[in-house]
């Protein structure tokens, strides 16, 4: 248990974040939702992610905490995948500034 969170809540949050990153990464493969297979997979991943988010909220997790944490972790995960897996160009300055922005969002959520 971390900071009063149950293991279930932590796992659900991880599924939410990985689902949001996975869905975002798959958006390009959907070709504007014209490729049926990739579109269905992308939609399914988002549905699972949002379901887990809804369960977290139902069980009492604070939306005011979850959204900033997601706003900090999802972009960083998607950026890392796009740069290191798909080979997209990104300068170290761009990555550093985006990382700093995510850190600021995470810190602001704790204030």
PDB file of N, CA and C in Angstrom:
ATOM      1  N   UNK A   1       0.847  -1.177   0.000  1.00  0.00           N
ATOM      2  CA  UNK A   1       0.000   0.000   0.000  1.00  0.00           C
ATOM      3  C   UNK A   1       0.895   1.243   0.000  1.00  0.00           C
ATOM      4  N   UNK A   2       0.627   2.174  -0.928  1.00  0.00           N
ATOM      5  CA  UNK A   2       1.408   3.398  -1.051  1.00  0.00           C
ATOM      6  C   UNK A   2       0.525   4.579  -0.695  1.00  0.00           C
ATOM      7  N   UNK A   3       0.944   5.365   0.306  1.00  0.00           N
ATOM      8  CA  UNK A   3       0.234   6.575   0.716  1.00  0.00           C
ATOM      9  C   UNK A   3      -1.259   6.326   0.907  1.00  0.00           C
ATOM     10  N   UNK A   4      -1.607   5.209   1.507  1.00  0.00           N
ATOM     11  CA  UNK A   4      -3.006   4.924   1.785  1.00  0.00           C
ATOM     12  C   UNK A   4      -3.785   4.382   0.595  1.00  0.00           C
ATOM     13  N   UNK A   5      -3.101   4.083  -0.517  1.00  0.00           N
ATOM     14  CA  UNK A   5      -3.779   3.543  -1.685  1.00  0.00           C
ATOM     15  C   UNK A   5      -3.723   2.027  -1.657  1.00  0.00           C
ATOM     16  N   UNK A   6      -4.803   1.406  -2.046  1.00  0.00           N
ATOM     17  CA  UNK A   6      -4.816  -0.048  -2.110  1.00  0.00           C
ATOM     18  C   UNK A   6      -4.079  -0.514  -3.359  1.00  0.00           C
ATOM     19  N   UNK A   7      -3.666  -1.759  -3.342  1.00  0.00           N
ATOM     20  CA  UNK A   7      -3.006  -2.342  -4.514  1.00  0.00           C
ATOM     21  C   UNK A   7      -3.943  -2.300  -5.710  1.00  0.00           C
ATOM     22  N   UNK A   8      -5.217  -2.537  -5.466  1.00  0.00           N
ATOM     23  CA  UNK A   8      -6.223  -2.493  -6.550  1.00  0.00           C
ATOM     24  C   UNK A   8      -6.273  -1.110  -7.184  1.00  0.00           C
ATOM     25  N   UNK A   9      -6.259  -0.062  -6.373  1.00  0.00           N
ATOM     26  CA  UNK A   9      -6.306   1.306  -6.903  1.00  0.00           C
ATOM     27  C   UNK A   9      -5.056   1.618  -7.726  1.00  0.00           C
ATOM     28  N   UNK A  10      -3.917   1.147  -7.257  1.00  0.00           N
ATOM     29  CA  UNK A  10      -2.673   1.378  -7.987  1.00  0.00           C
ATOM     30  C   UNK A  10      -2.696   0.659  -9.326  1.00  0.00           C
ATOM     31  N   UNK A  11      -3.154  -0.602  -9.327  1.00  0.00           N
ATOM     32  CA  UNK A  11      -3.231  -1.369 -10.577  1.00  0.00           C
ATOM     33  C   UNK A  11      -4.218  -0.718 -11.529  1.00  0.00           C
ATOM     34  N   UNK A  12      -5.372  -0.293 -11.024  1.00  0.00           N
ATOM     35  CA  UNK A  12      -6.353   0.378 -11.881  1.00  0.00           C
ATOM     36  C   UNK A  12      -5.768   1.655 -12.486  1.00  0.00           C
ATOM     37  N   UNK A  13      -5.040   2.420 -11.689  1.00  0.00           N
ATOM     38  CA  UNK A  13      -4.442   3.650 -12.212  1.00  0.00           C
ATOM     39  C   UNK A  13      -3.411   3.327 -13.291  1.00  0.00           C
ATOM     40  N   UNK A  14      -2.622   2.304 -13.088  1.00  0.00           N
ATOM     41  CA  UNK A  14      -1.636   1.905 -14.095  1.00  0.00           C
ATOM     42  C   UNK A  14      -2.332   1.495 -15.386  1.00  0.00           C
ATOM     43  N   UNK A  15      -3.442   0.754 -15.270  1.00  0.00           N
ATOM     44  CA  UNK A  15      -4.208   0.361 -16.462  1.00  0.00           C
ATOM     45  C   UNK A  15      -4.763   1.597 -17.165  1.00  0.00           C
ATOM     46  N   UNK A  16      -5.252   2.564 -16.398  1.00  0.00           N
ATOM     47  CA  UNK A  16      -5.762   3.807 -16.987  1.00  0.00           C
ATOM     48  C   UNK A  16      -4.662   4.498 -17.772  1.00  0.00           C
ATOM     49  N   UNK A  17      -3.515   4.677 -17.166  1.00  0.00           N
ATOM     50  CA  UNK A  17      -2.414   5.401 -17.826  1.00  0.00           C
ATOM     51  C   UNK A  17      -1.921   4.634 -19.048  1.00  0.00           C
ATOM     52  N   UNK A  18      -1.697   3.331 -18.907  1.00  0.00           N
ATOM     53  CA  UNK A  18      -1.223   2.545 -20.046  1.00  0.00           C
ATOM     54  C   UNK A  18      -2.271   2.510 -21.164  1.00  0.00           C
ATOM     55  N   UNK A  19      -3.532   2.482 -20.794  1.00  0.00           N
ATOM     56  CA  UNK A  19      -4.599   2.519 -21.795  1.00  0.00           C
ATOM     57  C   UNK A  19      -4.627   3.833 -22.550  1.00  0.00           C
ATOM     58  N   UNK A  20      -4.465   4.930 -21.833  1.00  0.00           N
ATOM     59  CA  UNK A  20      -4.449   6.242 -22.498  1.00  0.00           C
ATOM     60  C   UNK A  20      -3.238   6.367 -23.419  1.00  0.00           C
ATOM     61  N   UNK A  21      -2.086   5.882 -22.962  1.00  0.00           N
ATOM     62  CA  UNK A  21      -0.885   5.926 -23.807  1.00  0.00           C
ATOM     63  C   UNK A  21      -1.063   5.003 -25.009  1.00  0.00           C
ATOM     64  N   UNK A  22      -1.524   3.788 -24.755  1.00  0.00           N
ATOM     65  CA  UNK A  22      -1.722   2.826 -25.842  1.00  0.00           C
ATOM     66  C   UNK A  22      -2.722   3.311 -26.873  1.00  0.00           C
ATOM     67  N   UNK A  23      -3.831   3.863 -26.402  1.00  0.00           N
ATOM     68  CA  UNK A  23      -4.829   4.396 -27.326  1.00  0.00           C
ATOM     69  C   UNK A  23      -4.276   5.547 -28.150  1.00  0.00           C
ATOM     70  N   UNK A  24      -3.513   6.413 -27.501  1.00  0.00           N
ATOM     71  CA  UNK A  24      -2.918   7.548 -28.211  1.00  0.00           C
ATOM     72  C   UNK A  24      -1.932   7.084 -29.271  1.00  0.00           C
ATOM     73  N   UNK A  25      -1.123   6.106 -28.924  1.00  0.00           N
ATOM     74  CA  UNK A  25      -0.127   5.581 -29.862  1.00  0.00           C
ATOM     75  C   UNK A  25      -0.812   4.914 -31.054  1.00  0.00           C
ATOM     76  N   UNK A  26      -1.935   4.263 -30.823  1.00  0.00           N
ATOM     77  CA  UNK A  26      -2.642   3.571 -31.906  1.00  0.00           C
ATOM     78  C   UNK A  26      -3.450   4.498 -32.813  1.00  0.00           C
ATOM     79  N   UNK A  27      -3.679   5.722 -32.390  1.00  0.00           N
ATOM     80  CA  UNK A  27      -4.500   6.624 -33.207  1.00  0.00           C
ATOM     81  C   UNK A  27      -3.972   6.767 -34.626  1.00  0.00           C
ATOM     82  N   UNK A  28      -2.667   6.843 -34.781  1.00  0.00           N
ATOM     83  CA  UNK A  28      -2.097   6.966 -36.123  1.00  0.00           C
ATOM     84  C   UNK A  28      -2.388   5.758 -36.993  1.00  0.00           C
ATOM     85  N   UNK A  29      -2.391   4.583 -36.381  1.00  0.00           N
ATOM     86  CA  UNK A  29      -2.656   3.342 -37.132  1.00  0.00           C
ATOM     87  C   UNK A  29      -4.104   3.258 -37.611  1.00  0.00           C
ATOM     88  N   UNK A  30      -5.017   3.989 -36.973  1.00  0.00           N
ATOM     89  CA  UNK A  30      -6.424   3.909 -37.363  1.00  0.00           C
ATOM     90  C   UNK A  30      -6.701   4.615 -38.687  1.00  0.00           C
ATOM     91  N   UNK A  31      -5.732   5.435 -39.143  1.00  0.00           N
ATOM     92  CA  UNK A  31      -5.891   6.206 -40.388  1.00  0.00           C
ATOM     93  C   UNK A  31      -7.183   7.019 -40.347  1.00  0.00           C
ATOM     94  N   UNK A  32      -7.336   7.768 -39.248  1.00  0.00           N
ATOM     95  CA  UNK A  32      -8.546   8.587 -39.102  1.00  0.00           C
ATOM     96  C   UNK A  32      -9.787   7.755 -38.884  1.00  0.00           C
ATOM     97  N   UNK A  33      -9.627   6.630 -38.218  1.00  0.00           N
ATOM     98  CA  UNK A  33     -10.694   5.664 -37.951  1.00  0.00           C
ATOM     99  C   UNK A  33     -11.298   5.105 -39.235  1.00  0.00           C
ATOM    100  N   UNK A  34     -10.454   4.969 -40.264  1.00  0.00           N
ATOM    101  CA  UNK A  34     -10.911   4.333 -41.506  1.00  0.00           C
ATOM    102  C   UNK A  34     -10.427   2.899 -41.622  1.00  0.00           C
ATOM    103  N   UNK A  35      -9.445   2.495 -40.824  1.00  0.00           N
ATOM    104  CA  UNK A  35      -8.964   1.111 -40.797  1.00  0.00           C
ATOM    105  C   UNK A  35      -9.672   0.400 -39.648  1.00  0.00           C
ATOM    106  N   UNK A  36     -10.600  -0.469 -40.000  1.00  0.00           N
ATOM    107  CA  UNK A  36     -11.516  -1.056 -39.016  1.00  0.00           C
ATOM    108  C   UNK A  36     -10.801  -1.788 -37.884  1.00  0.00           C
ATOM    109  N   UNK A  37      -9.861  -2.651 -38.199  1.00  0.00           N
ATOM    110  CA  UNK A  37      -9.202  -3.440 -37.163  1.00  0.00           C
ATOM    111  C   UNK A  37      -8.490  -2.583 -36.132  1.00  0.00           C
ATOM    112  N   UNK A  38      -7.639  -1.662 -36.601  1.00  0.00           N
ATOM    113  CA  UNK A  38      -6.917  -0.777 -35.683  1.00  0.00           C
ATOM    114  C   UNK A  38      -7.876   0.142 -34.941  1.00  0.00           C
ATOM    115  N   UNK A  39      -8.929   0.572 -35.605  1.00  0.00           N
ATOM    116  CA  UNK A  39      -9.906   1.457 -34.963  1.00  0.00           C
ATOM    117  C   UNK A  39     -10.616   0.746 -33.818  1.00  0.00           C
ATOM    118  N   UNK A  40     -11.009  -0.501 -34.037  1.00  0.00           N
ATOM    119  CA  UNK A  40     -11.677  -1.263 -32.985  1.00  0.00           C
ATOM    120  C   UNK A  40     -10.737  -1.517 -31.811  1.00  0.00           C
ATOM    121  N   UNK A  41      -9.479  -1.850 -32.107  1.00  0.00           N
ATOM    122  CA  UNK A  41      -8.506  -2.073 -31.045  1.00  0.00           C
ATOM    123  C   UNK A  41      -8.276  -0.795 -30.241  1.00  0.00           C
ATOM    124  N   UNK A  42      -8.112   0.317 -30.936  1.00  0.00           N
ATOM    125  CA  UNK A  42      -7.906   1.610 -30.273  1.00  0.00           C
ATOM    126  C   UNK A  42      -9.107   1.949 -29.380  1.00  0.00           C
ATOM    127  N   UNK A  43     -10.308   1.799 -29.915  1.00  0.00           N
ATOM    128  CA  UNK A  43     -11.519   2.098 -29.147  1.00  0.00           C
ATOM    129  C   UNK A  43     -11.640   1.176 -27.936  1.00  0.00           C
ATOM    130  N   UNK A  44     -11.321  -0.101 -28.116  1.00  0.00           N
ATOM    131  CA  UNK A  44     -11.397  -1.058 -27.006  1.00  0.00           C
ATOM    132  C   UNK A  44     -10.422  -0.681 -25.892  1.00  0.00           C
ATOM    133  N   UNK A  45      -9.220  -0.295 -26.267  1.00  0.00           N
ATOM    134  CA  UNK A  45      -8.234   0.106 -25.261  1.00  0.00           C
ATOM    135  C   UNK A  45      -8.720   1.337 -24.498  1.00  0.00           C
ATOM    136  N   UNK A  46      -9.274   2.321 -25.219  1.00  0.00           N
ATOM    137  CA  UNK A  46      -9.808   3.509 -24.543  1.00  0.00           C
ATOM    138  C   UNK A  46     -10.983   3.149 -23.637  1.00  0.00           C
ATOM    139  N   UNK A  47     -11.860   2.256 -24.080  1.00  0.00           N
ATOM    140  CA  UNK A  47     -13.016   1.848 -23.265  1.00  0.00           C
ATOM    141  C   UNK A  47     -12.543   1.190 -21.971  1.00  0.00           C
ATOM    142  N   UNK A  48     -11.565   0.296 -22.070  1.00  0.00           N
ATOM    143  CA  UNK A  48     -11.041  -0.362 -20.866  1.00  0.00           C
ATOM    144  C   UNK A  48     -10.421   0.679 -19.930  1.00  0.00           C
ATOM    145  N   UNK A  49      -9.670   1.599 -20.504  1.00  0.00           N
ATOM    146  CA  UNK A  49      -9.034   2.642 -19.697  1.00  0.00           C
ATOM    147  C   UNK A  49     -10.074   3.505 -18.986  1.00  0.00           C
ATOM    148  N   UNK A  50     -11.085   3.947 -19.711  1.00  0.00           N
ATOM    149  CA  UNK A  50     -12.118   4.789 -19.095  1.00  0.00           C
ATOM    150  C   UNK A  50     -12.953   4.007 -18.085  1.00  0.00           C
ATOM    151  N   UNK A  51     -13.164   2.715 -18.337  1.00  0.00           N
ATOM    152  CA  UNK A  51     -13.877   1.886 -17.369  1.00  0.00           C
ATOM    153  C   UNK A  51     -13.096   1.851 -16.049  1.00  0.00           C
ATOM    154  N   UNK A  52     -11.789   1.617 -16.143  1.00  0.00           N
ATOM    155  CA  UNK A  52     -10.961   1.570 -14.928  1.00  0.00           C
ATOM    156  C   UNK A  52     -10.964   2.923 -14.217  1.00  0.00           C
ATOM    157  N   UNK A  53     -10.954   4.009 -14.986  1.00  0.00           N
ATOM    158  CA  UNK A  53     -11.034   5.339 -14.385  1.00  0.00           C
ATOM    159  C   UNK A  53     -12.372   5.516 -13.659  1.00  0.00           C
ATOM    160  N   UNK A  54     -13.448   5.062 -14.279  1.00  0.00           N
ATOM    161  CA  UNK A  54     -14.766   5.157 -13.646  1.00  0.00           C
ATOM    162  C   UNK A  54     -14.825   4.337 -12.357  1.00  0.00           C
ATOM    163  N   UNK A  55     -14.209   3.153 -12.358  1.00  0.00           N
ATOM    164  CA  UNK A  55     -14.170   2.324 -11.156  1.00  0.00           C
ATOM    165  C   UNK A  55     -13.388   3.036 -10.061  1.00  0.00           C
ATOM    166  N   UNK A  56     -12.246   3.629 -10.425  1.00  0.00           N
ATOM    167  CA  UNK A  56     -11.465   4.377  -9.435  1.00  0.00           C
ATOM    168  C   UNK A  56     -12.286   5.499  -8.814  1.00  0.00           C
ATOM    169  N   UNK A  57     -12.996   6.235  -9.647  1.00  0.00           N
ATOM    170  CA  UNK A  57     -13.818   7.342  -9.142  1.00  0.00           C
ATOM    171  C   UNK A  57     -14.951   6.828  -8.271  1.00  0.00           C
ATOM    172  N   UNK A  58     -15.569   5.722  -8.680  1.00  0.00           N
ATOM    173  CA  UNK A  58     -16.661   5.137  -7.897  1.00  0.00           C
ATOM    174  C   UNK A  58     -16.172   4.707  -6.516  1.00  0.00           C
ATOM    175  N   UNK A  59     -14.917   4.229  -6.459  1.00  0.00           N
ATOM    176  CA  UNK A  59     -14.359   3.762  -5.195  1.00  0.00           C
ATOM    177  C   UNK A  59     -13.781   4.886  -4.350  1.00  0.00           C
ATOM    178  N   UNK A  60     -13.966   6.122  -4.799  1.00  0.00           N
ATOM    179  CA  UNK A  60     -13.603   7.245  -3.960  1.00  0.00           C
ATOM    180  C   UNK A  60     -12.325   7.985  -4.305  1.00  0.00           C
ATOM    181  N   UNK A  61     -11.669   7.605  -5.393  1.00  0.00           N
ATOM    182  CA  UNK A  61     -10.463   8.339  -5.791  1.00  0.00           C
ATOM    183  C   UNK A  61     -10.855   9.763  -6.187  1.00  0.00           C
ATOM    184  N   UNK A  62      -9.995  10.695  -5.882  1.00  0.00           N
ATOM    185  CA  UNK A  62     -10.280  12.104  -6.163  1.00  0.00           C
ATOM    186  C   UNK A  62      -9.944  12.439  -7.615  1.00  0.00           C
ATOM    187  N   UNK A  63     -10.941  12.910  -8.350  1.00  0.00           N
ATOM    188  CA  UNK A  63     -10.724  13.327  -9.731  1.00  0.00           C
ATOM    189  C   UNK A  63      -9.697  14.449  -9.800  1.00  0.00           C
ATOM    190  N   UNK A  64      -9.691  15.308  -8.782  1.00  0.00           N
ATOM    191  CA  UNK A  64      -8.745  16.425  -8.751  1.00  0.00           C
ATOM    192  C   UNK A  64      -7.305  15.953  -8.570  1.00  0.00           C
ATOM    193  N   UNK A  65      -7.111  14.722  -8.154  1.00  0.00           N
ATOM    194  CA  UNK A  65      -5.770  14.146  -8.063  1.00  0.00           C
ATOM    195  C   UNK A  65      -5.451  13.310  -9.299  1.00  0.00           C
ATOM    196  N   UNK A  66      -6.425  12.517  -9.760  1.00  0.00           N
ATOM    197  CA  UNK A  66      -6.192  11.629 -10.893  1.00  0.00           C
ATOM    198  C   UNK A  66      -5.881  12.375 -12.185  1.00  0.00           C
ATOM    199  N   UNK A  67      -6.647  13.425 -12.462  1.00  0.00           N
ATOM    200  CA  UNK A  67      -6.462  14.118 -13.741  1.00  0.00           C
ATOM    201  C   UNK A  67      -5.085  14.782 -13.865  1.00  0.00           C
ATOM    202  N   UNK A  68      -4.605  15.482 -12.860  1.00  0.00           N
ATOM    203  CA  UNK A  68      -3.242  16.031 -12.988  1.00  0.00           C
ATOM    204  C   UNK A  68      -2.173  14.944 -13.095  1.00  0.00           C
ATOM    205  N   UNK A  69      -2.341  13.847 -12.368  1.00  0.00           N
ATOM    206  CA  UNK A  69      -1.373  12.756 -12.486  1.00  0.00           C
ATOM    207  C   UNK A  69      -1.379  12.172 -13.891  1.00  0.00           C
ATOM    208  N   UNK A  70      -2.563  12.019 -14.452  1.00  0.00           N
ATOM    209  CA  UNK A  70      -2.648  11.531 -15.829  1.00  0.00           C
ATOM    210  C   UNK A  70      -2.090  12.563 -16.807  1.00  0.00           C
ATOM    211  N   UNK A  71      -2.347  13.833 -16.535  1.00  0.00           N
ATOM    212  CA  UNK A  71      -1.834  14.889 -17.408  1.00  0.00           C
ATOM    213  C   UNK A  71      -0.309  14.940 -17.381  1.00  0.00           C
ATOM    214  N   UNK A  72       0.285  14.438 -16.321  1.00  0.00           N
ATOM    215  CA  UNK A  72       1.746  14.416 -16.223  1.00  0.00           C
ATOM    216  C   UNK A  72       2.331  13.136 -16.813  1.00  0.00           C
ATOM    217  N   UNK A  73       1.678  12.002 -16.610  1.00  0.00           N
ATOM    218  CA  UNK A  73       2.272  10.728 -17.021  1.00  0.00           C
ATOM    219  C   UNK A  73       1.953  10.306 -18.445  1.00  0.00           C
ATOM    220  N   UNK A  74       0.746  10.556 -18.910  1.00  0.00           N
ATOM    221  CA  UNK A  74       0.352  10.111 -20.249  1.00  0.00           C
ATOM    222  C   UNK A  74       1.184  10.789 -21.339  1.00  0.00           C
ATOM    223  N   UNK A  75       1.345  12.106 -21.333  1.00  0.00           N
ATOM    224  CA  UNK A  75       2.158  12.720 -22.399  1.00  0.00           C
ATOM    225  C   UNK A  75       3.604  12.236 -22.394  1.00  0.00           C
ATOM    226  N   UNK A  76       4.199  12.118 -21.226  1.00  0.00           N
ATOM    227  CA  UNK A  76       5.583  11.652 -21.157  1.00  0.00           C
ATOM    228  C   UNK A  76       5.697  10.244 -21.744  1.00  0.00           C
ATOM    229  N   UNK A  77       4.777   9.363 -21.379  1.00  0.00           N
ATOM    230  CA  UNK A  77       4.797   7.999 -21.924  1.00  0.00           C
ATOM    231  C   UNK A  77       4.633   7.983 -23.429  1.00  0.00           C
ATOM    232  N   UNK A  78       3.688   8.765 -23.939  1.00  0.00           N
ATOM    233  CA  UNK A  78       3.459   8.816 -25.391  1.00  0.00           C
ATOM    234  C   UNK A  78       4.664   9.406 -26.116  1.00  0.00           C
ATOM    235  N   UNK A  79       5.276  10.427 -25.540  1.00  0.00           N
ATOM    236  CA  UNK A  79       6.457  11.044 -26.157  1.00  0.00           C
ATOM    237  C   UNK A  79       7.610  10.051 -26.197  1.00  0.00           C
ATOM    238  N   UNK A  80       7.841   9.354 -25.099  1.00  0.00           N
ATOM    239  CA  UNK A  80       8.935   8.381 -25.057  1.00  0.00           C
ATOM    240  C   UNK A  80       8.737   7.280 -26.090  1.00  0.00           C
ATOM    241  N   UNK A  81       7.520   6.797 -26.226  1.00  0.00           N
ATOM    242  CA  UNK A  81       7.237   5.764 -27.222  1.00  0.00           C
ATOM    243  C   UNK A  81       7.428   6.312 -28.627  1.00  0.00           C
ATOM    244  N   UNK A  82       6.918   7.520 -28.883  1.00  0.00           N
ATOM    245  CA  UNK A  82       7.040   8.080 -30.230  1.00  0.00           C
ATOM    246  C   UNK A  82       8.495   8.318 -30.620  1.00  0.00           C
ATOM    247  N   UNK A  83       9.327   8.709 -29.668  1.00  0.00           N
ATOM    248  CA  UNK A  83      10.739   8.979 -29.961  1.00  0.00           C
ATOM    249  C   UNK A  83      11.541   7.686 -30.054  1.00  0.00           C
ATOM    250  N   UNK A  84      11.402   6.809 -29.056  1.00  0.00           N
ATOM    251  CA  UNK A  84      12.272   5.640 -28.991  1.00  0.00           C
ATOM    252  C   UNK A  84      11.758   4.417 -29.745  1.00  0.00           C
ATOM    253  N   UNK A  85      10.450   4.328 -29.982  1.00  0.00           N
ATOM    254  CA  UNK A  85       9.913   3.184 -30.720  1.00  0.00           C
ATOM    255  C   UNK A  85       9.662   3.547 -32.183  1.00  0.00           C
ATOM    256  N   UNK A  86       9.039   4.705 -32.414  1.00  0.00           N
ATOM    257  CA  UNK A  86       8.698   5.098 -33.775  1.00  0.00           C
ATOM    258  C   UNK A  86       9.745   5.979 -34.438  1.00  0.00           C
ATOM    259  N   UNK A  87      10.759   6.372 -33.676  1.00  0.00           N
ATOM    260  CA  UNK A  87      11.855   7.143 -34.252  1.00  0.00           C
ATOM    261  C   UNK A  87      11.519   8.571 -34.621  1.00  0.00           C
ATOM    262  N   UNK A  88      10.506   9.156 -34.011  1.00  0.00           N
ATOM    263  CA  UNK A  88      10.181  10.549 -34.277  1.00  0.00           C
ATOM    264  C   UNK A  88      11.288  11.447 -33.741  1.00  0.00           C
ATOM    265  N   UNK A  89      11.534  12.532 -34.444  1.00  0.00           N
ATOM    266  CA  UNK A  89      12.585  13.458 -34.040  1.00  0.00           C
ATOM    267  C   UNK A  89      12.100  14.341 -32.892  1.00  0.00           C
ATOM    268  N   UNK A  90      12.978  14.525 -31.937  1.00  0.00           N
ATOM    269  CA  UNK A  90      12.687  15.440 -30.835  1.00  0.00           C
ATOM    270  C   UNK A  90      14.027  15.882 -30.253  1.00  0.00           C
ATOM    271  N   UNK A  91      14.198  17.182 -30.158  1.00  0.00           N
ATOM    272  CA  UNK A  91      15.437  17.685 -29.576  1.00  0.00           C
ATOM    273  C   UNK A  91      15.420  17.451 -28.068  1.00  0.00           C
ATOM    274  N   UNK A  92      16.619  17.428 -27.484  1.00  0.00           N
ATOM    275  CA  UNK A  92      16.708  17.265 -26.037  1.00  0.00           C
ATOM    276  C   UNK A  92      16.045  18.434 -25.326  1.00  0.00           C
ATOM    277  N   UNK A  93      16.124  19.630 -25.927  1.00  0.00           N
ATOM    278  CA  UNK A  93      15.472  20.798 -25.323  1.00  0.00           C
ATOM    279  C   UNK A  93      13.962  20.609 -25.293  1.00  0.00           C
ATOM    280  N   UNK A  94      13.396  20.117 -26.391  1.00  0.00           N
ATOM    281  CA  UNK A  94      11.951  19.877 -26.444  1.00  0.00           C
ATOM    282  C   UNK A  94      11.545  18.852 -25.389  1.00  0.00           C
ATOM    283  N   UNK A  95      12.297  17.758 -25.326  1.00  0.00           N
ATOM    284  CA  UNK A  95      11.979  16.719 -24.344  1.00  0.00           C
ATOM    285  C   UNK A  95      12.111  17.242 -22.919  1.00  0.00           C
ATOM    286  N   UNK A  96      13.147  18.037 -22.673  1.00  0.00           N
ATOM    287  CA  UNK A  96      13.357  18.591 -21.328  1.00  0.00           C
ATOM    288  C   UNK A  96      12.227  19.538 -20.945  1.00  0.00           C
ATOM    289  N   UNK A  97      11.805  20.389 -21.868  1.00  0.00           N
ATOM    290  CA  UNK A  97      10.721  21.333 -21.571  1.00  0.00           C
ATOM    291  C   UNK A  97       9.392  20.609 -21.347  1.00  0.00           C
ATOM    292  N   UNK A  98       9.120  19.598 -22.169  1.00  0.00           N
ATOM    293  CA  UNK A  98       7.891  18.825 -21.973  1.00  0.00           C
ATOM    294  C   UNK A  98       7.933  18.078 -20.641  1.00  0.00           C
ATOM    295  N   UNK A  99       9.101  17.540 -20.317  1.00  0.00           N
ATOM    296  CA  UNK A  99       9.253  16.860 -19.032  1.00  0.00           C
ATOM    297  C   UNK A  99       9.058  17.818 -17.869  1.00  0.00           C
ATOM    298  N   UNK A 100       9.635  19.005 -17.976  1.00  0.00           N
ATOM    299  CA  UNK A 100       9.481  20.020 -16.934  1.00  0.00           C
ATOM    300  C   UNK A 100       8.016  20.427 -16.784  1.00  0.00           C
ATOM    301  N   UNK A 101       7.330  20.576 -17.899  1.00  0.00           N
ATOM    302  CA  UNK A 101       5.905  20.937 -17.843  1.00  0.00           C
ATOM    303  C   UNK A 101       5.105  19.863 -17.108  1.00  0.00           C
ATOM    304  N   UNK A 102       5.407  18.599 -17.372  1.00  0.00           N
ATOM    305  CA  UNK A 102       4.710  17.518 -16.686  1.00  0.00           C
ATOM    306  C   UNK A 102       5.017  17.489 -15.204  1.00  0.00           C
ATOM    307  N   UNK A 103       6.258  17.770 -14.859  1.00  0.00           N
ATOM    308  CA  UNK A 103       6.628  17.835 -13.437  1.00  0.00           C
ATOM    309  C   UNK A 103       5.875  18.965 -12.749  1.00  0.00           C
ATOM    310  N   UNK A 104       5.775  20.094 -13.413  1.00  0.00           N
ATOM    311  CA  UNK A 104       5.059  21.246 -12.833  1.00  0.00           C
ATOM    312  C   UNK A 104       3.580  20.893 -12.612  1.00  0.00           C
ATOM    313  N   UNK A 105       2.976  20.198 -13.573  1.00  0.00           N
ATOM    314  CA  UNK A 105       1.577  19.784 -13.423  1.00  0.00           C
ATOM    315  C   UNK A 105       1.449  18.840 -12.231  1.00  0.00           C
ATOM    316  N   UNK A 106       2.373  17.894 -12.104  1.00  0.00           N
ATOM    317  CA  UNK A 106       2.314  16.945 -11.000  1.00  0.00           C
ATOM    318  C   UNK A 106       2.487  17.652  -9.650  1.00  0.00           C
ATOM    319  N   UNK A 107       3.414  18.588  -9.591  1.00  0.00           N
ATOM    320  CA  UNK A 107       3.624  19.327  -8.344  1.00  0.00           C
ATOM    321  C   UNK A 107       2.413  20.182  -8.023  1.00  0.00           C
ATOM    322  N   UNK A 108       1.841  20.826  -9.043  1.00  0.00           N
ATOM    323  CA  UNK A 108       0.662  21.670  -8.824  1.00  0.00           C
ATOM    324  C   UNK A 108      -0.513  20.863  -8.290  1.00  0.00           C
ATOM    325  N   UNK A 109      -0.608  19.592  -8.692  1.00  0.00           N
ATOM    326  CA  UNK A 109      -1.729  18.767  -8.220  1.00  0.00           C
ATOM    327  C   UNK A 109      -1.586  18.433  -6.743  1.00  0.00           C
ATOM    328  N   UNK A 110      -0.365  18.537  -6.215  1.00  0.00           N
ATOM    329  CA  UNK A 110      -0.147  18.207  -4.809  1.00  0.00           C
ATOM    330  C   UNK A 110      -0.307  19.419  -3.899  1.00  0.00           C
ATOM    331  N   UNK A 111      -0.451  20.586  -4.464  1.00  0.00           N
ATOM    332  CA  UNK A 111      -0.548  21.816  -3.664  1.00  0.00           C
ATOM    333  C   UNK A 111      -1.964  22.020  -3.181  1.00  0.00           C
TER     334      UNK A 111
END
